[in-house]
């Protein structure tokens, strides 16, 4: 697992502020993996180590106007990265050649660069 520390980015902080998740963002110790999204496109995903040593997963998306208009964001927490990723339903994840769950796991294992979306 990578030892690099990443803080929450603007999309995570701003999106969380519109979905009553700001307190959860404040509890992030390290953002371990991120699959970036785009406005009016694919969702964003952040896999985090929380201060309570559990793993948090944030995901959501927004329209072309940004997080303050039409957007959604959800949060789940579990004791391991695989356990929290198992809480994603298949219909919560867009159809890509390399599944989002695998991309996040590959980032924490150092097999995929941080904050890179693979097709």
N, C-alpha and C. Protein backbone atom coordinates (compact mmCIF):
# COMPACT_ATOMS: atom_id res chain seq x y z
N UNK A 1 0.84 -1.18 0.00
CA UNK A 1 0.00 0.00 0.00
C UNK A 1 0.89 1.24 0.00
N UNK A 2 0.49 2.22 -0.79
CA UNK A 2 1.26 3.46 -0.91
C UNK A 2 1.31 4.21 0.42
N UNK A 3 2.44 4.84 0.68
CA UNK A 3 2.59 5.62 1.91
C UNK A 3 2.46 7.12 1.66
N UNK A 4 2.15 7.51 0.43
CA UNK A 4 1.97 8.91 0.09
C UNK A 4 0.68 9.44 0.72
N UNK A 5 0.75 10.64 1.26
CA UNK A 5 -0.42 11.25 1.88
C UNK A 5 -1.07 12.24 0.91
N UNK A 6 -2.37 12.10 0.74
CA UNK A 6 -3.15 13.01 -0.10
C UNK A 6 -4.29 13.58 0.74
N UNK A 7 -4.47 14.87 0.64
CA UNK A 7 -5.57 15.54 1.32
C UNK A 7 -6.79 15.58 0.40
N UNK A 8 -7.97 15.80 0.95
CA UNK A 8 -9.16 15.93 0.11
C UNK A 8 -8.99 17.08 -0.89
N UNK A 9 -9.41 16.84 -2.12
CA UNK A 9 -9.32 17.89 -3.14
C UNK A 9 -10.58 18.77 -3.11
N UNK A 10 -10.59 19.79 -3.96
CA UNK A 10 -11.70 20.74 -3.98
C UNK A 10 -13.02 20.07 -4.35
N UNK A 11 -12.99 19.12 -5.28
CA UNK A 11 -14.24 18.46 -5.66
C UNK A 11 -14.84 17.70 -4.49
N UNK A 12 -14.03 16.97 -3.76
CA UNK A 12 -14.54 16.23 -2.60
C UNK A 12 -15.07 17.19 -1.54
N UNK A 13 -14.30 18.19 -1.21
CA UNK A 13 -14.74 19.14 -0.18
C UNK A 13 -16.00 19.89 -0.59
N UNK A 14 -16.01 20.40 -1.81
CA UNK A 14 -17.14 21.20 -2.27
C UNK A 14 -18.39 20.33 -2.45
N UNK A 15 -18.23 19.17 -3.06
CA UNK A 15 -19.37 18.28 -3.23
C UNK A 15 -19.95 17.84 -1.90
N UNK A 16 -19.09 17.50 -0.96
CA UNK A 16 -19.55 17.07 0.36
C UNK A 16 -20.32 18.17 1.08
N UNK A 17 -19.93 19.41 0.85
CA UNK A 17 -20.60 20.53 1.54
C UNK A 17 -22.07 20.66 1.13
N UNK A 18 -22.44 20.16 -0.03
CA UNK A 18 -23.83 20.24 -0.48
C UNK A 18 -24.62 18.99 -0.16
N UNK A 19 -24.00 18.02 0.48
CA UNK A 19 -24.68 16.76 0.77
C UNK A 19 -24.49 16.31 2.21
N UNK A 20 -24.33 17.27 3.11
CA UNK A 20 -24.20 17.00 4.55
C UNK A 20 -23.11 15.99 4.87
N UNK A 21 -21.99 16.05 4.14
CA UNK A 21 -20.88 15.14 4.37
C UNK A 21 -19.60 15.86 4.77
N UNK A 22 -19.67 17.15 5.03
CA UNK A 22 -18.47 17.90 5.40
C UNK A 22 -17.82 17.37 6.66
N UNK A 23 -18.62 16.94 7.63
CA UNK A 23 -18.05 16.38 8.86
C UNK A 23 -17.28 15.09 8.57
N UNK A 24 -17.76 14.31 7.62
CA UNK A 24 -17.04 13.09 7.24
C UNK A 24 -15.70 13.43 6.59
N UNK A 25 -15.69 14.45 5.74
CA UNK A 25 -14.45 14.86 5.06
C UNK A 25 -13.42 15.30 6.10
N UNK A 26 -13.85 15.97 7.15
CA UNK A 26 -12.94 16.41 8.21
C UNK A 26 -12.30 15.23 8.94
N UNK A 27 -12.90 14.05 8.82
CA UNK A 27 -12.38 12.85 9.50
C UNK A 27 -11.42 12.04 8.63
N UNK A 28 -11.09 12.56 7.43
CA UNK A 28 -10.17 11.85 6.54
C UNK A 28 -8.73 12.03 7.01
N UNK A 29 -8.04 10.93 7.17
CA UNK A 29 -6.61 10.97 7.48
C UNK A 29 -5.79 11.01 6.19
N UNK A 30 -6.23 10.25 5.17
CA UNK A 30 -5.49 10.18 3.92
C UNK A 30 -6.44 9.72 2.80
N UNK A 31 -6.37 10.38 1.67
CA UNK A 31 -7.09 9.92 0.49
C UNK A 31 -6.15 8.94 -0.21
N UNK A 32 -6.50 7.68 -0.17
CA UNK A 32 -5.64 6.62 -0.68
C UNK A 32 -5.71 6.47 -2.19
N UNK A 33 -6.89 6.68 -2.75
CA UNK A 33 -7.10 6.50 -4.18
C UNK A 33 -8.23 7.40 -4.64
N UNK A 34 -8.13 7.81 -5.90
CA UNK A 34 -9.16 8.66 -6.47
C UNK A 34 -9.31 8.33 -7.95
N UNK A 35 -10.55 8.14 -8.36
CA UNK A 35 -10.85 8.03 -9.79
C UNK A 35 -11.63 9.30 -10.11
N UNK A 36 -11.00 10.21 -10.86
CA UNK A 36 -11.64 11.50 -11.11
C UNK A 36 -12.82 11.38 -12.08
N UNK A 37 -13.73 12.31 -11.91
CA UNK A 37 -14.88 12.39 -12.79
C UNK A 37 -14.86 13.69 -13.57
N UNK A 38 -16.01 14.05 -14.11
CA UNK A 38 -16.12 15.30 -14.83
C UNK A 38 -17.56 15.79 -14.76
N UNK A 39 -17.73 17.10 -14.79
CA UNK A 39 -19.06 17.69 -14.78
C UNK A 39 -19.84 17.18 -15.99
N UNK A 40 -21.09 16.80 -15.75
CA UNK A 40 -21.96 16.26 -16.80
C UNK A 40 -21.40 14.99 -17.42
N UNK A 41 -20.59 14.28 -16.65
CA UNK A 41 -19.99 13.04 -17.17
C UNK A 41 -19.87 12.01 -16.07
N UNK A 42 -18.76 11.31 -16.09
CA UNK A 42 -18.51 10.23 -15.14
C UNK A 42 -18.42 10.75 -13.70
N UNK A 43 -18.81 9.92 -12.75
CA UNK A 43 -18.73 10.26 -11.33
C UNK A 43 -17.29 10.23 -10.83
N UNK A 44 -17.07 10.89 -9.69
CA UNK A 44 -15.80 10.87 -8.96
C UNK A 44 -15.90 9.80 -7.87
N UNK A 45 -14.75 9.21 -7.51
CA UNK A 45 -14.66 8.23 -6.43
C UNK A 45 -13.41 8.52 -5.62
N UNK A 46 -13.54 8.50 -4.29
CA UNK A 46 -12.41 8.70 -3.39
C UNK A 46 -12.43 7.60 -2.34
N UNK A 47 -11.35 6.85 -2.23
CA UNK A 47 -11.19 5.83 -1.20
C UNK A 47 -10.25 6.40 -0.15
N UNK A 48 -10.71 6.47 1.09
CA UNK A 48 -9.97 7.19 2.14
C UNK A 48 -9.73 6.34 3.37
N UNK A 49 -8.61 6.59 4.02
CA UNK A 49 -8.37 6.07 5.36
C UNK A 49 -8.87 7.14 6.31
N UNK A 50 -9.78 6.76 7.19
CA UNK A 50 -10.37 7.71 8.11
C UNK A 50 -9.56 7.74 9.41
N UNK A 51 -9.75 8.79 10.19
CA UNK A 51 -9.01 8.93 11.45
C UNK A 51 -9.33 7.81 12.43
N UNK A 52 -10.50 7.17 12.29
CA UNK A 52 -10.85 6.06 13.17
C UNK A 52 -10.28 4.73 12.67
N UNK A 53 -9.39 4.80 11.62
CA UNK A 53 -8.69 3.65 11.03
C UNK A 53 -9.62 2.73 10.23
N UNK A 54 -10.82 3.21 9.91
CA UNK A 54 -11.70 2.50 8.99
C UNK A 54 -11.53 3.13 7.61
N UNK A 55 -12.14 2.55 6.62
CA UNK A 55 -12.01 3.03 5.25
C UNK A 55 -13.33 3.64 4.80
N UNK A 56 -13.23 4.83 4.26
CA UNK A 56 -14.40 5.53 3.78
C UNK A 56 -14.37 5.64 2.26
N UNK A 57 -15.52 5.55 1.66
CA UNK A 57 -15.66 5.70 0.22
C UNK A 57 -16.69 6.79 -0.05
N UNK A 58 -16.25 7.82 -0.75
CA UNK A 58 -17.14 8.89 -1.21
C UNK A 58 -17.28 8.73 -2.71
N UNK A 59 -18.48 8.96 -3.23
CA UNK A 59 -18.65 8.99 -4.68
C UNK A 59 -19.83 9.87 -5.04
N UNK A 60 -19.73 10.49 -6.21
CA UNK A 60 -20.81 11.34 -6.65
C UNK A 60 -20.48 12.05 -7.93
N UNK A 61 -21.44 12.83 -8.40
CA UNK A 61 -21.26 13.55 -9.65
C UNK A 61 -22.08 14.83 -9.67
N UNK A 62 -21.80 15.64 -10.66
CA UNK A 62 -22.50 16.92 -10.78
C UNK A 62 -22.75 17.24 -12.26
N UNK A 63 -23.65 18.19 -12.48
CA UNK A 63 -23.89 18.63 -13.85
C UNK A 63 -22.88 19.70 -14.24
N UNK A 64 -23.07 20.29 -15.41
CA UNK A 64 -22.09 21.25 -15.94
C UNK A 64 -21.98 22.52 -15.09
N UNK A 65 -22.96 22.78 -14.23
CA UNK A 65 -22.89 23.99 -13.40
C UNK A 65 -22.09 23.78 -12.12
N UNK A 66 -21.75 22.56 -11.80
CA UNK A 66 -20.97 22.28 -10.60
C UNK A 66 -21.78 21.62 -9.50
N UNK A 67 -21.16 21.47 -8.35
CA UNK A 67 -21.74 20.73 -7.22
C UNK A 67 -22.92 21.43 -6.56
N UNK A 68 -23.08 22.73 -6.77
CA UNK A 68 -24.11 23.47 -6.05
C UNK A 68 -25.48 23.43 -6.72
N UNK A 69 -25.62 22.80 -7.86
CA UNK A 69 -26.91 22.79 -8.55
C UNK A 69 -27.46 21.36 -8.58
N UNK A 70 -27.21 20.64 -9.64
CA UNK A 70 -27.65 19.26 -9.76
C UNK A 70 -26.47 18.35 -9.45
N UNK A 71 -26.48 17.72 -8.28
CA UNK A 71 -25.38 16.84 -7.92
C UNK A 71 -25.85 15.78 -6.94
N UNK A 72 -25.01 14.79 -6.76
CA UNK A 72 -25.26 13.75 -5.77
C UNK A 72 -23.92 13.32 -5.18
N UNK A 73 -23.93 12.90 -3.94
CA UNK A 73 -22.74 12.34 -3.32
C UNK A 73 -23.19 11.40 -2.21
N UNK A 74 -22.49 10.27 -2.11
CA UNK A 74 -22.78 9.29 -1.07
C UNK A 74 -21.49 8.92 -0.34
N UNK A 75 -21.67 8.31 0.82
CA UNK A 75 -20.54 7.90 1.66
C UNK A 75 -20.86 6.56 2.30
N UNK A 76 -19.88 5.69 2.32
CA UNK A 76 -19.96 4.41 3.04
C UNK A 76 -18.65 4.21 3.77
N UNK A 77 -18.69 3.41 4.83
CA UNK A 77 -17.51 3.14 5.65
C UNK A 77 -17.49 1.67 6.03
N UNK A 78 -16.28 1.08 6.09
CA UNK A 78 -16.12 -0.33 6.46
C UNK A 78 -14.70 -0.53 7.00
N UNK A 79 -14.42 -1.72 7.57
CA UNK A 79 -13.11 -1.95 8.20
C UNK A 79 -11.96 -2.18 7.22
N UNK A 80 -12.23 -2.54 5.97
CA UNK A 80 -11.16 -2.78 4.99
C UNK A 80 -11.52 -2.11 3.66
N UNK A 81 -10.51 -1.88 2.81
CA UNK A 81 -10.82 -1.31 1.49
C UNK A 81 -11.77 -2.19 0.68
N UNK A 82 -11.53 -3.50 0.65
CA UNK A 82 -12.41 -4.40 -0.11
C UNK A 82 -13.83 -4.40 0.44
N UNK A 83 -13.94 -4.33 1.76
CA UNK A 83 -15.28 -4.33 2.36
C UNK A 83 -16.06 -3.07 1.99
N UNK A 84 -15.40 -1.93 2.01
CA UNK A 84 -16.13 -0.71 1.66
C UNK A 84 -16.47 -0.69 0.18
N UNK A 85 -15.58 -1.19 -0.66
CA UNK A 85 -15.87 -1.23 -2.10
C UNK A 85 -16.99 -2.21 -2.42
N UNK A 86 -17.13 -3.25 -1.60
CA UNK A 86 -18.22 -4.21 -1.82
C UNK A 86 -19.59 -3.58 -1.57
N UNK A 87 -19.62 -2.45 -0.89
CA UNK A 87 -20.89 -1.76 -0.63
C UNK A 87 -21.40 -0.99 -1.84
N UNK A 88 -20.54 -0.80 -2.84
CA UNK A 88 -21.00 -0.19 -4.09
C UNK A 88 -21.83 -1.20 -4.86
N UNK A 89 -23.01 -0.79 -5.26
CA UNK A 89 -23.82 -1.65 -6.10
C UNK A 89 -23.35 -1.47 -7.55
N UNK A 90 -23.56 -2.46 -8.35
CA UNK A 90 -23.12 -2.38 -9.75
C UNK A 90 -23.76 -1.18 -10.46
N UNK A 91 -25.00 -0.83 -10.11
CA UNK A 91 -25.64 0.31 -10.76
C UNK A 91 -25.14 1.64 -10.21
N UNK A 92 -24.29 1.62 -9.17
CA UNK A 92 -23.66 2.84 -8.66
C UNK A 92 -22.38 3.16 -9.44
N UNK A 93 -21.92 2.25 -10.26
CA UNK A 93 -20.63 2.38 -10.94
C UNK A 93 -20.87 2.37 -12.45
N UNK A 94 -20.28 3.37 -13.12
CA UNK A 94 -20.45 3.41 -14.58
C UNK A 94 -19.71 2.26 -15.25
N UNK A 95 -20.13 1.98 -16.44
CA UNK A 95 -19.57 0.88 -17.22
C UNK A 95 -18.26 1.32 -17.87
N UNK A 96 -17.15 0.81 -17.39
CA UNK A 96 -15.85 1.07 -17.99
C UNK A 96 -15.17 -0.28 -18.23
N UNK A 97 -14.18 -0.29 -19.09
CA UNK A 97 -13.48 -1.55 -19.34
C UNK A 97 -12.85 -2.07 -18.06
N UNK A 98 -12.19 -1.20 -17.33
CA UNK A 98 -11.60 -1.60 -16.06
C UNK A 98 -12.51 -1.09 -14.95
N UNK A 99 -13.13 -1.98 -14.20
CA UNK A 99 -14.10 -1.56 -13.18
C UNK A 99 -13.52 -0.55 -12.18
N UNK A 100 -14.35 0.38 -11.75
CA UNK A 100 -13.95 1.41 -10.79
C UNK A 100 -13.39 0.78 -9.52
N UNK A 101 -14.02 -0.26 -9.03
CA UNK A 101 -13.54 -0.93 -7.82
C UNK A 101 -12.09 -1.39 -8.01
N UNK A 102 -11.80 -1.98 -9.16
CA UNK A 102 -10.45 -2.47 -9.42
C UNK A 102 -9.47 -1.32 -9.56
N UNK A 103 -9.90 -0.22 -10.19
CA UNK A 103 -9.02 0.93 -10.33
C UNK A 103 -8.61 1.49 -8.96
N UNK A 104 -9.56 1.56 -8.04
CA UNK A 104 -9.24 2.06 -6.69
C UNK A 104 -8.29 1.11 -5.97
N UNK A 105 -8.55 -0.19 -6.05
CA UNK A 105 -7.65 -1.16 -5.42
C UNK A 105 -6.26 -1.13 -6.05
N UNK A 106 -6.20 -1.00 -7.37
CA UNK A 106 -4.90 -0.95 -8.04
C UNK A 106 -4.11 0.29 -7.63
N UNK A 107 -4.80 1.39 -7.36
CA UNK A 107 -4.09 2.59 -6.91
C UNK A 107 -3.48 2.37 -5.53
N UNK A 108 -4.21 1.76 -4.62
CA UNK A 108 -3.64 1.59 -3.28
C UNK A 108 -2.55 0.52 -3.28
N UNK A 109 -2.57 -0.37 -4.27
CA UNK A 109 -1.51 -1.39 -4.41
C UNK A 109 -0.34 -0.91 -5.25
N UNK A 110 -0.41 0.34 -5.76
CA UNK A 110 0.67 0.89 -6.57
C UNK A 110 0.70 0.38 -8.00
N UNK A 111 -0.37 -0.23 -8.47
CA UNK A 111 -0.43 -0.76 -9.83
C UNK A 111 -1.02 0.25 -10.83
N UNK A 112 -1.58 1.31 -10.32
CA UNK A 112 -2.18 2.36 -11.16
C UNK A 112 -1.85 3.70 -10.50
N UNK A 113 -1.49 4.71 -11.27
CA UNK A 113 -1.19 6.02 -10.69
C UNK A 113 -2.39 6.62 -9.96
N UNK A 114 -2.09 7.34 -8.89
CA UNK A 114 -3.11 8.04 -8.10
C UNK A 114 -3.86 9.03 -8.99
N UNK A 115 -5.17 9.09 -8.79
CA UNK A 115 -6.06 10.06 -9.45
C UNK A 115 -6.05 9.94 -10.97
N UNK A 116 -5.92 8.72 -11.45
CA UNK A 116 -5.97 8.47 -12.88
C UNK A 116 -7.17 7.57 -13.15
N UNK A 117 -7.97 7.97 -14.12
CA UNK A 117 -9.09 7.13 -14.57
C UNK A 117 -8.61 6.35 -15.79
N UNK A 118 -8.67 5.03 -15.67
CA UNK A 118 -8.34 4.19 -16.82
C UNK A 118 -9.63 3.85 -17.54
N UNK A 119 -9.58 3.77 -18.86
CA UNK A 119 -10.81 3.48 -19.64
C UNK A 119 -11.33 2.08 -19.38
